[in-house]
């Protein structure tokens, strides 16, 4: 009997964990108003991988800028601003407004593309 009770307890716990696991993609879309799939494409078009290592992006393994691995879990962006969806979109579009001396260029990223890129980056947990 104890063996069956232990198995049932493990199954119940596993089910609870599975139910509480965040849907990363859905959450990223809700947070940013963007689409992670379009974000992947935009990252390629804007050449973000020329400077950053970005998981899931083919050829994005550069080390000029910081790696974006697990960026969704970071507290700060650019070491200066809180990691919020609106701040990430602003940083993607206008990094030199936030940090004048940054080497990250202004790439002319549109509002829509910035939201999509942020959505993809928020999937990187």
C-alpha atoms as a PDB file:
ATOM      1  CA  UNK A   1       0.000   0.000   0.000  1.00  0.00           C
ATOM      2  CA  UNK A   2       2.747   2.461   0.859  1.00  0.00           C
ATOM      3  CA  UNK A   3       4.276   1.900  -2.582  1.00  0.00           C
ATOM      4  CA  UNK A   4       1.014   2.784  -4.341  1.00  0.00           C
ATOM      5  CA  UNK A   5       0.488   5.856  -2.185  1.00  0.00           C
ATOM      6  CA  UNK A   6       3.978   7.077  -3.020  1.00  0.00           C
ATOM      7  CA  UNK A   7       3.381   6.562  -6.733  1.00  0.00           C
ATOM      8  CA  UNK A   8       0.059   8.412  -6.562  1.00  0.00           C
ATOM      9  CA  UNK A   9       1.716  11.281  -4.649  1.00  0.00           C
ATOM     10  CA  UNK A  10       4.479  11.575  -7.255  1.00  0.00           C
ATOM     11  CA  UNK A  11       1.931  11.587 -10.085  1.00  0.00           C
ATOM     12  CA  UNK A  12      -0.149  14.288  -8.378  1.00  0.00           C
ATOM     13  CA  UNK A  13       2.929  16.458  -7.818  1.00  0.00           C
ATOM     14  CA  UNK A  14       4.052  15.974 -11.424  1.00  0.00           C
ATOM     15  CA  UNK A  15       0.600  16.956 -12.685  1.00  0.00           C
ATOM     16  CA  UNK A  16       0.609  20.096 -10.528  1.00  0.00           C
ATOM     17  CA  UNK A  17       4.054  21.092 -11.781  1.00  0.00           C
ATOM     18  CA  UNK A  18       2.966  20.552 -15.390  1.00  0.00           C
ATOM     19  CA  UNK A  19      -0.175  22.661 -14.855  1.00  0.00           C
ATOM     20  CA  UNK A  20       1.819  25.502 -13.284  1.00  0.00           C
ATOM     21  CA  UNK A  21       4.597  25.512 -15.879  1.00  0.00           C
ATOM     22  CA  UNK A  22       4.428  28.825 -17.724  1.00  0.00           C
ATOM     23  CA  UNK A  23       3.694  28.779 -21.415  1.00  0.00           C
ATOM     24  CA  UNK A  24       6.792  30.730 -22.355  1.00  0.00           C
ATOM     25  CA  UNK A  25       5.743  31.554 -25.900  1.00  0.00           C
ATOM     26  CA  UNK A  26       2.240  32.688 -24.905  1.00  0.00           C
ATOM     27  CA  UNK A  27       3.623  34.707 -21.995  1.00  0.00           C
ATOM     28  CA  UNK A  28       6.180  36.407 -24.258  1.00  0.00           C
ATOM     29  CA  UNK A  29       3.461  37.358 -26.721  1.00  0.00           C
ATOM     30  CA  UNK A  30       1.239  38.767 -23.977  1.00  0.00           C
ATOM     31  CA  UNK A  31       4.092  40.725 -22.395  1.00  0.00           C
ATOM     32  CA  UNK A  32       5.347  42.342 -25.586  1.00  0.00           C
ATOM     33  CA  UNK A  33       2.465  42.353 -28.047  1.00  0.00           C
ATOM     34  CA  UNK A  34       4.875  40.729 -30.498  1.00  0.00           C
ATOM     35  CA  UNK A  35       5.298  37.345 -32.125  1.00  0.00           C
ATOM     36  CA  UNK A  36       8.397  35.234 -31.344  1.00  0.00           C
ATOM     37  CA  UNK A  37       8.416  33.602 -34.800  1.00  0.00           C
ATOM     38  CA  UNK A  38       8.432  36.980 -36.542  1.00  0.00           C
ATOM     39  CA  UNK A  39      11.044  38.041 -33.997  1.00  0.00           C
ATOM     40  CA  UNK A  40      13.377  35.249 -35.091  1.00  0.00           C
ATOM     41  CA  UNK A  41      13.037  36.431 -38.667  1.00  0.00           C
ATOM     42  CA  UNK A  42      13.590  40.080 -37.698  1.00  0.00           C
ATOM     43  CA  UNK A  43      16.711  39.168 -35.726  1.00  0.00           C
ATOM     44  CA  UNK A  44      18.095  37.692 -38.934  1.00  0.00           C
ATOM     45  CA  UNK A  45      17.104  40.690 -41.084  1.00  0.00           C
ATOM     46  CA  UNK A  46      18.653  43.217 -38.711  1.00  0.00           C
ATOM     47  CA  UNK A  47      21.825  41.163 -38.313  1.00  0.00           C
ATOM     48  CA  UNK A  48      21.690  40.933 -34.514  1.00  0.00           C
ATOM     49  CA  UNK A  49      23.710  37.718 -34.655  1.00  0.00           C
ATOM     50  CA  UNK A  50      26.688  39.629 -36.056  1.00  0.00           C
ATOM     51  CA  UNK A  51      27.323  40.912 -32.534  1.00  0.00           C
ATOM     52  CA  UNK A  52      25.403  38.628 -30.161  1.00  0.00           C
ATOM     53  CA  UNK A  53      25.161  34.961 -29.366  1.00  0.00           C
ATOM     54  CA  UNK A  54      21.432  34.249 -29.542  1.00  0.00           C
ATOM     55  CA  UNK A  55      20.142  30.752 -28.808  1.00  0.00           C
ATOM     56  CA  UNK A  56      17.949  29.353 -31.555  1.00  0.00           C
ATOM     57  CA  UNK A  57      19.249  31.744 -34.221  1.00  0.00           C
ATOM     58  CA  UNK A  58      21.451  30.084 -36.824  1.00  0.00           C
ATOM     59  CA  UNK A  59      24.904  31.666 -37.019  1.00  0.00           C
ATOM     60  CA  UNK A  60      24.276  33.988 -34.062  1.00  0.00           C
ATOM     61  CA  UNK A  61      27.374  33.131 -32.067  1.00  0.00           C
ATOM     62  CA  UNK A  62      29.294  36.409 -32.012  1.00  0.00           C
ATOM     63  CA  UNK A  63      30.891  37.911 -28.939  1.00  0.00           C
ATOM     64  CA  UNK A  64      30.994  41.643 -29.700  1.00  0.00           C
ATOM     65  CA  UNK A  65      27.921  42.275 -27.568  1.00  0.00           C
ATOM     66  CA  UNK A  66      26.841  40.188 -24.607  1.00  0.00           C
ATOM     67  CA  UNK A  67      25.289  36.788 -25.223  1.00  0.00           C
ATOM     68  CA  UNK A  68      21.507  36.948 -25.021  1.00  0.00           C
ATOM     69  CA  UNK A  69      21.221  33.509 -23.464  1.00  0.00           C
ATOM     70  CA  UNK A  70      18.493  33.537 -20.787  1.00  0.00           C
ATOM     71  CA  UNK A  71      17.952  37.273 -21.249  1.00  0.00           C
ATOM     72  CA  UNK A  72      14.339  36.930 -20.102  1.00  0.00           C
ATOM     73  CA  UNK A  73      15.605  36.072 -16.619  1.00  0.00           C
ATOM     74  CA  UNK A  74      17.951  39.043 -16.292  1.00  0.00           C
ATOM     75  CA  UNK A  75      17.051  41.901 -13.988  1.00  0.00           C
ATOM     76  CA  UNK A  76      18.665  44.623 -16.095  1.00  0.00           C
ATOM     77  CA  UNK A  77      19.278  45.452 -19.731  1.00  0.00           C
ATOM     78  CA  UNK A  78      22.522  47.136 -20.709  1.00  0.00           C
ATOM     79  CA  UNK A  79      23.402  47.055 -17.027  1.00  0.00           C
ATOM     80  CA  UNK A  80      21.280  50.170 -16.528  1.00  0.00           C
ATOM     81  CA  UNK A  81      17.549  49.733 -17.018  1.00  0.00           C
ATOM     82  CA  UNK A  82      15.073  47.263 -15.575  1.00  0.00           C
ATOM     83  CA  UNK A  83      14.288  44.358 -17.828  1.00  0.00           C
ATOM     84  CA  UNK A  84      10.687  45.159 -18.709  1.00  0.00           C
ATOM     85  CA  UNK A  85       8.997  44.651 -22.081  1.00  0.00           C
ATOM     86  CA  UNK A  86       8.746  48.387 -22.781  1.00  0.00           C
ATOM     87  CA  UNK A  87      12.383  48.953 -21.812  1.00  0.00           C
ATOM     88  CA  UNK A  88      13.520  46.067 -24.003  1.00  0.00           C
ATOM     89  CA  UNK A  89      11.614  47.458 -26.984  1.00  0.00           C
ATOM     90  CA  UNK A  90      13.123  50.903 -26.339  1.00  0.00           C
ATOM     91  CA  UNK A  91      16.633  49.433 -26.025  1.00  0.00           C
ATOM     92  CA  UNK A  92      16.239  47.470 -29.269  1.00  0.00           C
ATOM     93  CA  UNK A  93      15.098  50.588 -31.123  1.00  0.00           C
ATOM     94  CA  UNK A  94      17.145  53.338 -29.500  1.00  0.00           C
ATOM     95  CA  UNK A  95      20.076  51.969 -27.506  1.00  0.00           C
ATOM     96  CA  UNK A  96      21.971  55.282 -27.608  1.00  0.00           C
ATOM     97  CA  UNK A  97      19.093  57.124 -25.921  1.00  0.00           C
ATOM     98  CA  UNK A  98      19.600  54.822 -22.960  1.00  0.00           C
ATOM     99  CA  UNK A  99      23.375  54.497 -23.007  1.00  0.00           C
ATOM    100  CA  UNK A 100      25.097  57.167 -25.057  1.00  0.00           C
ATOM    101  CA  UNK A 101      28.430  55.319 -25.204  1.00  0.00           C
ATOM    102  CA  UNK A 102      27.077  51.955 -26.292  1.00  0.00           C
ATOM    103  CA  UNK A 103      28.522  50.346 -29.382  1.00  0.00           C
ATOM    104  CA  UNK A 104      25.087  48.931 -30.204  1.00  0.00           C
ATOM    105  CA  UNK A 105      24.009  50.777 -33.336  1.00  0.00           C
ATOM    106  CA  UNK A 106      20.679  52.365 -34.091  1.00  0.00           C
ATOM    107  CA  UNK A 107      19.387  49.955 -36.738  1.00  0.00           C
ATOM    108  CA  UNK A 108      16.108  51.657 -37.637  1.00  0.00           C
ATOM    109  CA  UNK A 109      14.083  48.868 -36.032  1.00  0.00           C
ATOM    110  CA  UNK A 110      10.358  49.470 -36.488  1.00  0.00           C
ATOM    111  CA  UNK A 111       7.926  49.383 -33.562  1.00  0.00           C
ATOM    112  CA  UNK A 112       6.429  46.125 -34.799  1.00  0.00           C
ATOM    113  CA  UNK A 113       9.812  44.460 -35.352  1.00  0.00           C
ATOM    114  CA  UNK A 114      11.040  45.608 -31.934  1.00  0.00           C
ATOM    115  CA  UNK A 115       8.004  44.027 -30.245  1.00  0.00           C
ATOM    116  CA  UNK A 116       8.555  40.820 -32.229  1.00  0.00           C
ATOM    117  CA  UNK A 117      12.265  40.715 -31.360  1.00  0.00           C
ATOM    118  CA  UNK A 118      11.461  41.362 -27.696  1.00  0.00           C
ATOM    119  CA  UNK A 119       8.866  38.554 -27.828  1.00  0.00           C
ATOM    120  CA  UNK A 120      11.518  36.138 -29.098  1.00  0.00           C
ATOM    121  CA  UNK A 121      14.044  37.297 -26.514  1.00  0.00           C
ATOM    122  CA  UNK A 122      11.486  36.812 -23.743  1.00  0.00           C
ATOM    123  CA  UNK A 123      11.264  33.147 -24.717  1.00  0.00           C
ATOM    124  CA  UNK A 124      14.946  32.770 -23.789  1.00  0.00           C
ATOM    125  CA  UNK A 125      14.583  31.590 -20.232  1.00  0.00           C
END
